[in-house]
Every structure is written in C-alpha cells, then in structure tokens.
N, C-alpha and C. Protein backbone atom coordinates (compact mmCIF):
# COMPACT_ATOMS: atom_id res chain seq x y z
N UNK A 1 10.48 4.32 17.70
CA UNK A 1 9.84 4.36 16.61
C UNK A 1 8.59 5.28 16.82
N UNK A 2 8.72 6.28 17.70
CA UNK A 2 7.43 6.52 17.71
C UNK A 2 6.63 7.26 16.80
N UNK A 3 7.37 7.49 15.68
CA UNK A 3 7.05 8.12 14.51
C UNK A 3 5.58 7.48 14.01
N UNK A 4 5.60 6.08 13.69
CA UNK A 4 4.71 4.94 13.21
C UNK A 4 3.62 4.80 14.44
N UNK A 5 4.01 4.79 15.71
CA UNK A 5 2.88 4.55 16.62
C UNK A 5 2.04 6.20 16.60
N UNK A 6 2.59 6.99 16.07
CA UNK A 6 1.71 8.54 16.14
C UNK A 6 0.77 8.35 14.46
N UNK A 7 0.78 7.38 13.77
CA UNK A 7 0.52 7.33 12.53
C UNK A 7 -0.94 6.64 12.56
N UNK A 8 -1.72 6.49 11.42
CA UNK A 8 -2.96 5.89 11.53
C UNK A 8 -2.89 4.89 10.53
N UNK A 9 -3.96 3.76 10.76
CA UNK A 9 -3.75 2.27 10.39
C UNK A 9 -5.33 1.95 10.15
N UNK A 10 -5.11 0.98 9.16
CA UNK A 10 -6.71 0.58 9.20
C UNK A 10 -6.47 -1.06 9.46
N UNK A 11 -7.58 -1.28 10.26
CA UNK A 11 -7.65 -2.30 10.59
C UNK A 11 -8.28 -3.56 9.60
N UNK A 12 -7.69 -4.56 8.99
CA UNK A 12 -8.32 -5.38 7.89
C UNK A 12 -9.58 -6.12 8.44
N UNK A 13 -9.38 -6.26 9.85
CA UNK A 13 -10.36 -7.31 10.59
C UNK A 13 -11.48 -6.58 10.71
N UNK A 14 -11.46 -5.68 11.40
CA UNK A 14 -12.74 -4.76 12.00
C UNK A 14 -13.07 -3.61 10.99
N UNK A 15 -12.24 -3.20 9.91
CA UNK A 15 -12.41 -2.22 8.92
C UNK A 15 -12.11 -0.84 9.78
N UNK A 16 -11.90 -0.83 10.94
CA UNK A 16 -11.41 0.58 11.49
C UNK A 16 -10.31 1.00 11.45
N UNK A 17 -10.60 2.50 11.42
CA UNK A 17 -9.21 3.16 11.70
C UNK A 17 -8.64 3.40 12.80
N UNK A 18 -7.42 3.15 13.11
CA UNK A 18 -6.94 3.13 14.57
C UNK A 18 -5.54 4.08 14.30
N UNK A 19 -5.39 4.73 15.40
CA UNK A 19 -4.17 5.58 15.69
C UNK A 19 -3.08 4.88 16.50
N UNK A 20 -2.01 4.56 16.04
CA UNK A 20 -0.99 3.79 16.87
C UNK A 20 -1.27 2.19 16.67
N UNK A 21 -0.63 1.70 17.47
CA UNK A 21 -0.51 0.04 17.19
C UNK A 21 -1.52 -0.46 18.35
N UNK A 22 -2.81 -0.34 17.73
CA UNK A 22 -3.60 -0.80 18.82
C UNK A 22 -4.24 -2.39 18.65
N UNK A 23 -3.70 -2.69 17.16
CA UNK A 23 -4.14 -4.20 16.81
C UNK A 23 -2.68 -4.90 16.50
N UNK A 24 -2.65 -6.27 16.41
CA UNK A 24 -1.45 -6.78 15.90
C UNK A 24 -1.13 -6.63 14.46
N UNK A 25 -0.06 -6.52 13.97
CA UNK A 25 0.48 -6.14 12.99
C UNK A 25 -0.09 -6.91 11.94
N UNK A 26 -0.60 -8.03 12.27
CA UNK A 26 -1.25 -8.85 10.93
C UNK A 26 -2.44 -8.42 10.31
N UNK A 27 -3.14 -7.60 11.01
CA UNK A 27 -4.47 -7.15 11.20
C UNK A 27 -4.33 -5.63 10.84
N UNK A 28 -3.47 -4.95 10.72
CA UNK A 28 -3.14 -3.58 10.12
C UNK A 28 -2.48 -3.44 8.69
N UNK A 29 -3.18 -2.26 8.25
CA UNK A 29 -2.34 -2.16 6.91
C UNK A 29 -1.94 -0.52 7.07
N UNK A 30 -0.88 -0.19 6.68
CA UNK A 30 -0.60 1.42 6.88
C UNK A 30 1.07 1.34 7.26
N UNK A 31 1.58 2.35 7.57
CA UNK A 31 0.94 3.28 8.17
C UNK A 31 0.48 4.64 7.13
N UNK A 32 -0.47 5.29 7.30
CA UNK A 32 -0.94 6.48 6.88
C UNK A 32 -0.87 7.85 7.72
N UNK A 33 -0.53 8.87 7.20
CA UNK A 33 -0.44 9.92 7.78
C UNK A 33 -1.70 10.74 8.31
N UNK A 34 -2.98 10.45 7.88
CA UNK A 34 -4.33 11.06 7.96
C UNK A 34 -5.12 9.84 8.18
N UNK A 35 -6.19 9.98 9.18
CA UNK A 35 -7.28 9.07 9.33
C UNK A 35 -8.19 8.96 8.23
N UNK A 36 -8.41 10.14 7.52
CA UNK A 36 -8.96 10.08 5.88
C UNK A 36 -8.35 8.96 5.02
N UNK A 37 -6.91 9.15 5.11
CA UNK A 37 -6.12 8.24 4.03
C UNK A 37 -6.37 6.92 4.59
N UNK A 38 -6.34 6.76 5.98
CA UNK A 38 -6.46 5.13 6.49
C UNK A 38 -7.73 4.72 5.92
N UNK A 39 -8.80 5.59 6.30
CA UNK A 39 -10.15 5.02 5.70
C UNK A 39 -10.31 4.54 4.40
N UNK A 40 -9.41 4.99 3.74
CA UNK A 40 -9.41 4.82 1.80
C UNK A 40 -8.28 3.83 1.72
N UNK A 41 -8.18 3.05 2.94
CA UNK A 41 -6.86 1.97 2.44
C UNK A 41 -6.81 1.09 1.54
N UNK A 42 -8.33 0.55 1.53
CA UNK A 42 -8.55 -0.53 0.52
C UNK A 42 -8.41 -0.16 -0.87
N UNK A 43 -9.11 1.09 -1.19
CA UNK A 43 -8.91 1.70 -2.21
C UNK A 43 -7.28 2.08 -2.71
N UNK A 44 -6.52 2.49 -1.82
CA UNK A 44 -5.21 2.94 -1.96
C UNK A 44 -4.32 1.53 -2.35
N UNK A 45 -4.68 0.59 -1.66
CA UNK A 45 -3.88 -0.47 -1.92
C UNK A 45 -4.29 -1.21 -3.30
N UNK A 46 -5.19 -1.20 -3.59
CA UNK A 46 -5.91 -1.44 -4.97
C UNK A 46 -5.09 -0.67 -5.91
N UNK A 47 -5.37 0.65 -5.95
CA UNK A 47 -4.51 1.38 -6.81
C UNK A 47 -2.94 1.57 -7.01
N UNK A 48 -2.23 1.10 -6.06
CA UNK A 48 -0.94 0.84 -5.85
C UNK A 48 -0.44 -0.37 -6.39
N UNK A 49 -1.51 -1.51 -5.90
CA UNK A 49 -1.21 -2.73 -6.75
C UNK A 49 -1.54 -2.63 -8.13
N UNK A 50 -2.67 -2.11 -8.77
CA UNK A 50 -2.61 -1.91 -10.00
C UNK A 50 -1.58 -1.20 -10.99
N UNK A 51 -1.09 -0.40 -10.16
CA UNK A 51 0.07 0.48 -10.86
C UNK A 51 1.11 -0.41 -11.02
N UNK A 52 1.44 -0.98 -9.79
CA UNK A 52 2.81 -2.08 -9.87
C UNK A 52 2.76 -2.80 -10.98
N UNK A 53 1.31 -3.51 -11.02
CA UNK A 53 1.12 -4.65 -11.98
C UNK A 53 1.37 -4.00 -13.52
N UNK A 54 0.92 -2.83 -13.66
CA UNK A 54 1.03 -2.39 -15.16
C UNK A 54 2.63 -2.06 -15.19
N UNK A 55 3.17 -1.60 -14.24
CA UNK A 55 4.93 -1.21 -14.38
C UNK A 55 5.51 -2.48 -14.66
N UNK A 56 5.15 -3.61 -13.83
CA UNK A 56 5.85 -4.95 -14.00
C UNK A 56 5.56 -5.42 -15.71
N UNK A 57 4.25 -5.28 -16.01
CA UNK A 57 3.77 -5.61 -17.23
C UNK A 57 4.78 -4.80 -18.52
N UNK A 58 5.02 -3.66 -18.09
CA UNK A 58 5.77 -2.80 -19.16
C UNK A 58 7.26 -3.27 -19.29
N UNK A 59 7.77 -3.46 -17.85
CA UNK A 59 8.95 -4.00 -17.75
C UNK A 59 9.38 -5.48 -18.69
N UNK A 60 8.35 -6.20 -18.24
CA UNK A 60 8.34 -7.56 -19.03
C UNK A 60 8.19 -7.47 -20.44
N UNK A 61 7.32 -6.47 -20.82
CA UNK A 61 7.31 -6.41 -22.43
C UNK A 61 8.57 -6.04 -22.90
N UNK A 62 9.26 -5.29 -22.35
CA UNK A 62 10.56 -4.48 -22.86
C UNK A 62 11.51 -5.60 -23.16
N UNK A 63 11.52 -6.79 -22.61
CA UNK A 63 12.37 -7.81 -22.65
C UNK A 63 12.19 -8.85 -23.92
N UNK A 64 11.14 -8.63 -24.55
CA UNK A 64 10.75 -9.39 -25.37
C UNK A 64 10.84 -9.11 -26.87
N UNK A 65 11.99 -9.53 -27.33
CA UNK A 65 12.14 -8.96 -28.71
C UNK A 65 12.63 -7.75 -29.10
N UNK A 66 13.01 -7.06 -27.90
CA UNK A 66 13.36 -5.39 -28.40
C UNK A 66 14.78 -5.31 -28.58
N UNK A 67 15.43 -4.25 -29.28
CA UNK A 67 16.72 -4.27 -29.30
C UNK A 67 17.23 -3.18 -28.56
N UNK A 68 17.82 -3.45 -27.26
CA UNK A 68 18.18 -2.60 -26.37
C UNK A 68 19.52 -2.02 -26.83
N UNK A 69 20.13 -0.90 -26.63
CA UNK A 69 21.02 -0.09 -26.83
C UNK A 69 21.55 -0.19 -28.19
N UNK A 70 20.82 -0.02 -29.22
CA UNK A 70 21.18 0.13 -30.68
C UNK A 70 22.01 1.19 -31.10
C-alpha cells in the first residue's frame, strides 16, 4: 500500500498537512493528491457532505407520491 503512504493527509487534531502515515488514522482525513488539496480538507469535506445530502434529499423526494415507470 505504498500509494496512500505517498499521499497527503489533513490532521484533524493539529490542523497540519502531513505526507504519508505520520499520525494515527483516527486523526487523519484523506488521502489527497496534493498538499494544497489536503490544506483545504475541511472545505472539501463540507462540500462533499452538502452534495451527498442534496442527492439524498432528491432521491428521498422521488419516492413520495411519484408514479415511476408509467
């Protein structure tokens, strides 16, 4: 698994960007391809979470009273 050990991680405890497995997994977010991407980890996580929530809401809305396959 040398691939992920060469990537960048955001340390959720310290707020630092790290390369490889410097900190315990519970403290890391990632992996990211670049240090710049890792430094934006919290924004990226928020953006992805918002997109997933919106997608889930659309899917849930599709099951209420719609006529599928008419």
